[in-house]
PDB file of N, CA and C in Angstrom:
ATOM      1  N   MET A   1      27.972 -18.367  22.349  1.00  0.00           N
ATOM      2  CA  MET A   1      28.937 -17.649  21.557  1.00  0.00           C
ATOM      3  C   MET A   1      28.182 -16.917  20.455  1.00  0.00           C
ATOM      4  N   LYS A   2      28.603 -15.722  20.189  1.00  0.00           N
ATOM      5  CA  LYS A   2      27.971 -14.884  19.178  1.00  0.00           C
ATOM      6  C   LYS A   2      29.063 -14.219  18.354  1.00  0.00           C
ATOM      7  N   PHE A   3      28.889 -14.223  17.041  1.00  0.00           N
ATOM      8  CA  PHE A   3      29.852 -13.528  16.194  1.00  0.00           C
ATOM      9  C   PHE A   3      29.092 -12.867  15.046  1.00  0.00           C
ATOM     10  N   THR A   4      29.693 -11.836  14.492  1.00  0.00           N
ATOM     11  CA  THR A   4      29.088 -11.056  13.421  1.00  0.00           C
ATOM     12  C   THR A   4      30.042 -11.009  12.246  1.00  0.00           C
ATOM     13  N   ILE A   5      29.457 -11.124  11.039  1.00  0.00           N
ATOM     14  CA  ILE A   5      30.251 -11.010   9.821  1.00  0.00           C
ATOM     15  C   ILE A   5      29.690  -9.860   9.006  1.00  0.00           C
ATOM     16  N   ASP A   6      30.495  -8.910   8.660  1.00  0.00           N
ATOM     17  CA  ASP A   6      30.099  -7.798   7.806  1.00  0.00           C
ATOM     18  C   ASP A   6      30.615  -8.059   6.399  1.00  0.00           C
ATOM     19  N   ILE A   7      29.709  -7.983   5.427  1.00  0.00           N
ATOM     20  CA  ILE A   7      30.088  -8.184   4.037  1.00  0.00           C
ATOM     21  C   ILE A   7      29.847  -6.882   3.293  1.00  0.00           C
ATOM     22  N   ASP A   8      30.855  -6.398   2.637  1.00  0.00           N
ATOM     23  CA  ASP A   8      30.760  -5.153   1.877  1.00  0.00           C
ATOM     24  C   ASP A   8      30.635  -5.498   0.397  1.00  0.00           C
ATOM     25  N   CYS A   9      29.426  -5.336  -0.143  1.00  0.00           N
ATOM     26  CA  CYS A   9      29.216  -5.616  -1.557  1.00  0.00           C
ATOM     27  C   CYS A   9      28.082  -4.733  -2.076  1.00  0.00           C
ATOM     28  N   THR A  10      28.021  -4.621  -3.367  1.00  0.00           N
ATOM     29  CA  THR A  10      26.961  -3.836  -4.009  1.00  0.00           C
ATOM     30  C   THR A  10      25.699  -4.698  -4.119  1.00  0.00           C
ATOM     31  N   PRO A  11      24.544  -4.075  -4.339  1.00  0.00           N
ATOM     32  CA  PRO A  11      23.332  -4.863  -4.540  1.00  0.00           C
ATOM     33  C   PRO A  11      23.455  -5.827  -5.725  1.00  0.00           C
ATOM     34  N   GLU A  12      24.145  -5.414  -6.773  1.00  0.00           N
ATOM     35  CA  GLU A  12      24.333  -6.281  -7.937  1.00  0.00           C
ATOM     36  C   GLU A  12      25.143  -7.522  -7.562  1.00  0.00           C
ATOM     37  N   GLU A  13      26.187  -7.316  -6.773  1.00  0.00           N
ATOM     38  CA  GLU A  13      27.017  -8.443  -6.345  1.00  0.00           C
ATOM     39  C   GLU A  13      26.234  -9.401  -5.450  1.00  0.00           C
ATOM     40  N   ALA A  14      25.423  -8.859  -4.562  1.00  0.00           N
ATOM     41  CA  ALA A  14      24.623  -9.710  -3.674  1.00  0.00           C
ATOM     42  C   ALA A  14      23.613 -10.513  -4.484  1.00  0.00           C
ATOM     43  N   ARG A  15      22.959  -9.879  -5.459  1.00  0.00           N
ATOM     44  CA  ARG A  15      21.999 -10.595  -6.309  1.00  0.00           C
ATOM     45  C   ARG A  15      22.680 -11.737  -7.049  1.00  0.00           C
ATOM     46  N   ALA A  16      23.843 -11.473  -7.605  1.00  0.00           N
ATOM     47  CA  ALA A  16      24.562 -12.509  -8.348  1.00  0.00           C
ATOM     48  C   ALA A  16      24.976 -13.646  -7.417  1.00  0.00           C
ATOM     49  N   PHE A  17      25.423 -13.324  -6.221  1.00  0.00           N
ATOM     50  CA  PHE A  17      25.862 -14.348  -5.271  1.00  0.00           C
ATOM     51  C   PHE A  17      24.715 -15.271  -4.874  1.00  0.00           C
ATOM     52  N   PHE A  18      23.537 -14.677  -4.588  1.00  0.00           N
ATOM     53  CA  PHE A  18      22.392 -15.486  -4.176  1.00  0.00           C
ATOM     54  C   PHE A  18      21.601 -16.062  -5.346  1.00  0.00           C
ATOM     55  N   GLY A  19      21.921 -15.632  -6.558  1.00  0.00           N
ATOM     56  CA  GLY A  19      21.232 -16.151  -7.727  1.00  0.00           C
ATOM     57  C   GLY A  19      19.881 -15.502  -7.991  1.00  0.00           C
ATOM     58  N   TRP A  20      19.688 -14.325  -7.438  1.00  0.00           N
ATOM     59  CA  TRP A  20      18.426 -13.616  -7.641  1.00  0.00           C
ATOM     60  C   TRP A  20      18.438 -12.916  -8.988  1.00  0.00           C
ATOM     61  N   PRO A  21      17.260 -12.745  -9.603  1.00  0.00           N
ATOM     62  CA  PRO A  21      17.221 -12.088 -10.918  1.00  0.00           C
ATOM     63  C   PRO A  21      17.443 -10.579 -10.792  1.00  0.00           C
ATOM     64  N   ASN A  22      17.939  -9.997 -11.844  1.00  0.00           N
ATOM     65  CA  ASN A  22      18.127  -8.553 -11.908  1.00  0.00           C
ATOM     66  C   ASN A  22      16.836  -7.940 -12.439  1.00  0.00           C
ATOM     67  N   VAL A  23      16.129  -7.205 -11.607  1.00  0.00           N
ATOM     68  CA  VAL A  23      14.824  -6.651 -11.978  1.00  0.00           C
ATOM     69  C   VAL A  23      14.883  -5.143 -12.192  1.00  0.00           C
ATOM     70  N   GLU A  24      16.070  -4.586 -12.338  1.00  0.00           N
ATOM     71  CA  GLU A  24      16.195  -3.138 -12.495  1.00  0.00           C
ATOM     72  C   GLU A  24      15.459  -2.628 -13.730  1.00  0.00           C
ATOM     73  N   GLY A  25      15.583  -3.342 -14.851  1.00  0.00           N
ATOM     74  CA  GLY A  25      14.897  -2.916 -16.072  1.00  0.00           C
ATOM     75  C   GLY A  25      13.389  -2.958 -15.906  1.00  0.00           C
ATOM     76  N   PHE A  26      12.886  -4.025 -15.304  1.00  0.00           N
ATOM     77  CA  PHE A  26      11.447  -4.154 -15.055  1.00  0.00           C
ATOM     78  C   PHE A  26      10.959  -3.042 -14.131  1.00  0.00           C
ATOM     79  N   GLN A  27      11.705  -2.801 -13.054  1.00  0.00           N
ATOM     80  CA  GLN A  27      11.321  -1.760 -12.105  1.00  0.00           C
ATOM     81  C   GLN A  27      11.311  -0.380 -12.763  1.00  0.00           C
ATOM     82  N   ALA A  28      12.292  -0.088 -13.575  1.00  0.00           N
ATOM     83  CA  ALA A  28      12.352   1.206 -14.265  1.00  0.00           C
ATOM     84  C   ALA A  28      11.169   1.364 -15.215  1.00  0.00           C
ATOM     85  N   ALA A  29      10.833   0.289 -15.953  1.00  0.00           N
ATOM     86  CA  ALA A  29       9.698   0.354 -16.877  1.00  0.00           C
ATOM     87  C   ALA A  29       8.383   0.560 -16.121  1.00  0.00           C
ATOM     88  N   MET A  30       8.211  -0.149 -15.015  1.00  0.00           N
ATOM     89  CA  MET A  30       6.978  -0.006 -14.232  1.00  0.00           C
ATOM     90  C   MET A  30       6.866   1.389 -13.621  1.00  0.00           C
ATOM     91  N   MET A  31       7.962   1.926 -13.127  1.00  0.00           N
ATOM     92  CA  MET A  31       7.932   3.263 -12.547  1.00  0.00           C
ATOM     93  C   MET A  31       7.622   4.311 -13.605  1.00  0.00           C
ATOM     94  N   LYS A  32       8.102   4.109 -14.826  1.00  0.00           N
ATOM     95  CA  LYS A  32       7.802   5.038 -15.914  1.00  0.00           C
ATOM     96  C   LYS A  32       6.306   5.018 -16.217  1.00  0.00           C
ATOM     97  N   ILE A  33       5.707   3.823 -16.250  1.00  0.00           N
ATOM     98  CA  ILE A  33       4.264   3.699 -16.503  1.00  0.00           C
ATOM     99  C   ILE A  33       3.465   4.357 -15.389  1.00  0.00           C
ATOM    100  N   VAL A  34       3.847   4.108 -14.152  1.00  0.00           N
ATOM    101  CA  VAL A  34       3.147   4.710 -13.014  1.00  0.00           C
ATOM    102  C   VAL A  34       3.243   6.226 -13.075  1.00  0.00           C
ATOM    103  N   GLN A  35       4.418   6.741 -13.378  1.00  0.00           N
ATOM    104  CA  GLN A  35       4.608   8.187 -13.461  1.00  0.00           C
ATOM    105  C   GLN A  35       3.760   8.790 -14.573  1.00  0.00           C
ATOM    106  N   GLU A  36       3.712   8.136 -15.737  1.00  0.00           N
ATOM    107  CA  GLU A  36       2.903   8.646 -16.841  1.00  0.00           C
ATOM    108  C   GLU A  36       1.419   8.661 -16.475  1.00  0.00           C
ATOM    109  N   ARG A  37       0.943   7.587 -15.853  1.00  0.00           N
ATOM    110  CA  ARG A  37      -0.473   7.527 -15.472  1.00  0.00           C
ATOM    111  C   ARG A  37      -0.825   8.588 -14.434  1.00  0.00           C
ATOM    112  N   MET A  38       0.043   8.779 -13.464  1.00  0.00           N
ATOM    113  CA  MET A  38      -0.222   9.795 -12.439  1.00  0.00           C
ATOM    114  C   MET A  38      -0.215  11.185 -13.053  1.00  0.00           C
ATOM    115  N   THR A  39       0.720  11.432 -13.945  1.00  0.00           N
ATOM    116  CA  THR A  39       0.786  12.739 -14.601  1.00  0.00           C
ATOM    117  C   THR A  39      -0.463  12.992 -15.427  1.00  0.00           C
ATOM    118  N   GLU A  40      -0.915  11.994 -16.186  1.00  0.00           N
ATOM    119  CA  GLU A  40      -2.140  12.139 -16.983  1.00  0.00           C
ATOM    120  C   GLU A  40      -3.336  12.430 -16.091  1.00  0.00           C
ATOM    121  N   TYR A  41      -3.440  11.703 -14.992  1.00  0.00           N
ATOM    122  CA  TYR A  41      -4.579  11.897 -14.102  1.00  0.00           C
ATOM    123  C   TYR A  41      -4.549  13.279 -13.463  1.00  0.00           C
ATOM    124  N   LEU A  42      -3.390  13.693 -12.989  1.00  0.00           N
ATOM    125  CA  LEU A  42      -3.291  14.994 -12.332  1.00  0.00           C
ATOM    126  C   LEU A  42      -3.553  16.138 -13.298  1.00  0.00           C
ATOM    127  N   GLU A  43      -3.158  15.967 -14.554  1.00  0.00           N
ATOM    128  CA  GLU A  43      -3.426  17.009 -15.538  1.00  0.00           C
ATOM    129  C   GLU A  43      -4.903  17.092 -15.890  1.00  0.00           C
ATOM    130  N   SER A  44      -5.606  15.964 -15.840  1.00  0.00           N
ATOM    131  CA  SER A  44      -7.020  15.962 -16.220  1.00  0.00           C
ATOM    132  C   SER A  44      -7.945  16.322 -15.061  1.00  0.00           C
ATOM    133  N   ALA A  45      -7.497  16.162 -13.831  1.00  0.00           N
ATOM    134  CA  ALA A  45      -8.351  16.439 -12.676  1.00  0.00           C
ATOM    135  C   ALA A  45      -8.230  17.896 -12.248  1.00  0.00           C
ATOM    136  N   ASP A  46      -9.330  18.431 -11.733  1.00  0.00           N
ATOM    137  CA  ASP A  46      -9.280  19.801 -11.225  1.00  0.00           C
ATOM    138  C   ASP A  46      -8.957  19.783  -9.728  1.00  0.00           C
ATOM    139  N   ALA A  47      -8.669  20.929  -9.183  1.00  0.00           N
ATOM    140  CA  ALA A  47      -8.217  21.035  -7.793  1.00  0.00           C
ATOM    141  C   ALA A  47      -9.286  20.559  -6.815  1.00  0.00           C
ATOM    142  N   GLU A  48     -10.543  20.875  -7.075  1.00  0.00           N
ATOM    143  CA  GLU A  48     -11.607  20.476  -6.153  1.00  0.00           C
ATOM    144  C   GLU A  48     -11.748  18.956  -6.087  1.00  0.00           C
ATOM    145  N   THR A  49     -11.680  18.300  -7.229  1.00  0.00           N
ATOM    146  CA  THR A  49     -11.773  16.843  -7.255  1.00  0.00           C
ATOM    147  C   THR A  49     -10.605  16.215  -6.513  1.00  0.00           C
ATOM    148  N   LEU A  50      -9.403  16.741  -6.725  1.00  0.00           N
ATOM    149  CA  LEU A  50      -8.239  16.214  -6.020  1.00  0.00           C
ATOM    150  C   LEU A  50      -8.367  16.415  -4.517  1.00  0.00           C
ATOM    151  N   ALA A  51      -8.836  17.575  -4.084  1.00  0.00           N
ATOM    152  CA  ALA A  51      -9.001  17.837  -2.661  1.00  0.00           C
ATOM    153  C   ALA A  51     -10.017  16.887  -2.046  1.00  0.00           C
ATOM    154  N   LYS A  52     -11.117  16.630  -2.749  1.00  0.00           N
ATOM    155  CA  LYS A  52     -12.123  15.693  -2.232  1.00  0.00           C
ATOM    156  C   LYS A  52     -11.576  14.276  -2.159  1.00  0.00           C
ATOM    157  N   MET A  53     -10.752  13.906  -3.118  1.00  0.00           N
ATOM    158  CA  MET A  53     -10.191  12.558  -3.129  1.00  0.00           C
ATOM    159  C   MET A  53      -9.151  12.394  -2.013  1.00  0.00           C
ATOM    160  N   TRP A  54      -8.290  13.379  -1.843  1.00  0.00           N
ATOM    161  CA  TRP A  54      -7.223  13.269  -0.854  1.00  0.00           C
ATOM    162  C   TRP A  54      -7.699  13.564   0.555  1.00  0.00           C
ATOM    163  N   LEU A  55      -8.690  14.415   0.704  1.00  0.00           N
ATOM    164  CA  LEU A  55      -9.198  14.796   2.023  1.00  0.00           C
ATOM    165  C   LEU A  55     -10.716  14.593   2.087  1.00  0.00           C
ATOM    166  N   PRO A  56     -11.194  13.360   1.982  1.00  0.00           N
ATOM    167  CA  PRO A  56     -12.638  13.147   1.909  1.00  0.00           C
ATOM    168  C   PRO A  56     -13.380  13.637   3.141  1.00  0.00           C
ATOM    169  N   THR A  57     -12.796  13.474   4.310  1.00  0.00           N
ATOM    170  CA  THR A  57     -13.467  13.934   5.517  1.00  0.00           C
ATOM    171  C   THR A  57     -12.706  15.065   6.174  1.00  0.00           C
ATOM    172  N   GLY A  58     -11.729  15.599   5.491  1.00  0.00           N
ATOM    173  CA  GLY A  58     -10.885  16.629   6.080  1.00  0.00           C
ATOM    174  C   GLY A  58     -11.643  17.864   6.497  1.00  0.00           C
ATOM    175  N   LEU A  59     -12.478  18.382   5.616  1.00  0.00           N
ATOM    176  CA  LEU A  59     -13.208  19.602   5.943  1.00  0.00           C
ATOM    177  C   LEU A  59     -14.280  19.356   6.992  1.00  0.00           C
ATOM    178  N   GLU A  60     -14.974  18.225   6.892  1.00  0.00           N
ATOM    179  CA  GLU A  60     -16.003  17.920   7.886  1.00  0.00           C
ATOM    180  C   GLU A  60     -15.372  17.730   9.267  1.00  0.00           C
ATOM    181  N   ALA A  61     -14.228  17.065   9.312  1.00  0.00           N
ATOM    182  CA  ALA A  61     -13.549  16.854  10.588  1.00  0.00           C
ATOM    183  C   ALA A  61     -13.090  18.192  11.175  1.00  0.00           C
ATOM    184  N   TRP A  62     -12.614  19.072  10.321  1.00  0.00           N
ATOM    185  CA  TRP A  62     -12.164  20.388  10.792  1.00  0.00           C
ATOM    186  C   TRP A  62     -13.339  21.182  11.364  1.00  0.00           C
ATOM    187  N   GLU A  63     -14.468  21.168  10.669  1.00  0.00           N
ATOM    188  CA  GLU A  63     -15.646  21.883  11.157  1.00  0.00           C
ATOM    189  C   GLU A  63     -16.139  21.274  12.465  1.00  0.00           C
ATOM    190  N   SER A  64     -16.121  19.965  12.575  1.00  0.00           N
ATOM    191  CA  SER A  64     -16.538  19.293  13.804  1.00  0.00           C
ATOM    192  C   SER A  64     -15.626  19.676  14.964  1.00  0.00           C
ATOM    193  N   MET A  65     -14.326  19.745  14.710  1.00  0.00           N
ATOM    194  CA  MET A  65     -13.382  20.129  15.756  1.00  0.00           C
ATOM    195  C   MET A  65     -13.620  21.577  16.187  1.00  0.00           C
ATOM    196  N   GLN A  66     -13.893  22.462  15.235  1.00  0.00           N
ATOM    197  CA  GLN A  66     -14.170  23.850  15.575  1.00  0.00           C
ATOM    198  C   GLN A  66     -15.423  23.956  16.445  1.00  0.00           C
ATOM    199  N   LYS A  67     -16.482  23.228  16.078  1.00  0.00           N
ATOM    200  CA  LYS A  67     -17.717  23.252  16.864  1.00  0.00           C
ATOM    201  C   LYS A  67     -17.470  22.722  18.268  1.00  0.00           C
ATOM    202  N   SER A  68     -16.664  21.662  18.375  1.00  0.00           N
ATOM    203  CA  SER A  68     -16.353  21.092  19.680  1.00  0.00           C
ATOM    204  C   SER A  68     -15.603  22.102  20.549  1.00  0.00           C
ATOM    205  N   PHE A  69     -14.601  22.764  19.986  1.00  0.00           N
ATOM    206  CA  PHE A  69     -13.853  23.768  20.742  1.00  0.00           C
ATOM    207  C   PHE A  69     -14.759  24.920  21.167  1.00  0.00           C
ATOM    208  N   MET A  70     -15.606  25.384  20.261  1.00  0.00           N
ATOM    209  CA  MET A  70     -16.490  26.497  20.593  1.00  0.00           C
ATOM    210  C   MET A  70     -17.455  26.121  21.709  1.00  0.00           C
ATOM    211  N   SER A  71     -17.991  24.901  21.672  1.00  0.00           N
ATOM    212  CA  SER A  71     -18.910  24.488  22.726  1.00  0.00           C
ATOM    213  C   SER A  71     -18.179  24.398  24.064  1.00  0.00           C
ATOM    214  N   GLN A  72     -16.924  23.938  24.062  1.00  0.00           N
ATOM    215  CA  GLN A  72     -16.154  23.883  25.304  1.00  0.00           C
ATOM    216  C   GLN A  72     -15.832  25.286  25.812  1.00  0.00           C
ATOM    217  N   PHE A  73     -15.483  26.193  24.925  1.00  0.00           N
ATOM    218  CA  PHE A  73     -15.210  27.567  25.331  1.00  0.00           C
ATOM    219  C   PHE A  73     -16.461  28.229  25.904  1.00  0.00           C
ATOM    220  N   MET A  74     -17.592  27.990  25.260  1.00  0.00           N
ATOM    221  CA  MET A  74     -18.841  28.589  25.734  1.00  0.00           C
ATOM    222  C   MET A  74     -19.234  28.024  27.103  1.00  0.00           C
ATOM    223  N   ALA A  75     -19.035  26.713  27.282  1.00  0.00           N
ATOM    224  CA  ALA A  75     -19.336  26.102  28.578  1.00  0.00           C
ATOM    225  C   ALA A  75     -18.422  26.679  29.653  1.00  0.00           C
ATOM    226  N   GLY A  76     -17.157  26.867  29.328  1.00  0.00           N
ATOM    227  CA  GLY A  76     -16.219  27.464  30.284  1.00  0.00           C
ATOM    228  C   GLY A  76     -16.580  28.907  30.595  1.00  0.00           C
ATOM    229  N   ALA A  77     -17.035  29.647  29.592  1.00  0.00           N
ATOM    230  CA  ALA A  77     -17.422  31.044  29.814  1.00  0.00           C
ATOM    231  C   ALA A  77     -18.647  31.124  30.708  1.00  0.00           C
ATOM    232  N   LYS A  78     -19.605  30.223  30.521  1.00  0.00           N
ATOM    233  CA  LYS A  78     -20.799  30.221  31.362  1.00  0.00           C
ATOM    234  C   LYS A  78     -20.458  29.898  32.807  1.00  0.00           C
ATOM    235  N   LYS A  79     -19.522  28.965  33.015  1.00  0.00           N
ATOM    236  CA  LYS A  79     -19.110  28.628  34.373  1.00  0.00           C
ATOM    237  C   LYS A  79     -18.420  29.821  35.026  1.00  0.00           C
ATOM    238  N   ALA A  80     -17.618  30.545  34.257  1.00  0.00           N
ATOM    239  CA  ALA A  80     -16.911  31.709  34.792  1.00  0.00           C
ATOM    240  C   ALA A  80     -17.891  32.806  35.160  1.00  0.00           C
ATOM    241  N   GLU A  81     -18.985  32.959  34.415  1.00  0.00           N
ATOM    242  CA  GLU A  81     -19.978  33.987  34.693  1.00  0.00           C
ATOM    243  C   GLU A  81     -20.746  33.690  35.971  1.00  0.00           C
ATOM    244  N   THR A  82     -21.005  32.413  36.273  1.00  0.00           N
ATOM    245  CA  THR A  82     -21.793  32.047  37.441  1.00  0.00           C
ATOM    246  C   THR A  82     -20.986  32.129  38.721  1.00  0.00           C
ATOM    247  N   LYS A  83     -19.669  32.189  38.652  1.00  0.00           N
ATOM    248  CA  LYS A  83     -18.844  32.235  39.877  1.00  0.00           C
ATOM    249  C   LYS A  83     -18.702  33.621  40.394  1.00  0.00           C
TER     250      LYS A  83
END
């Protein structure tokens, strides 16, 4: 036998029912601190530093992929010439 119970309540009501603490104030304070720190860092960093941090191997991987494609195209062109 299987049955389902749907309970319609707000997160605040569920927290109170289960006896969980209300952490909304703590969460809001922590998010404010995180936002301030990120804003300070982004304002102090230049675009090149941010690009290197976010895409450390992005440019090298792109160049490697281009070289790989070019070598495959050249190999295909050589095969087409010999036929």
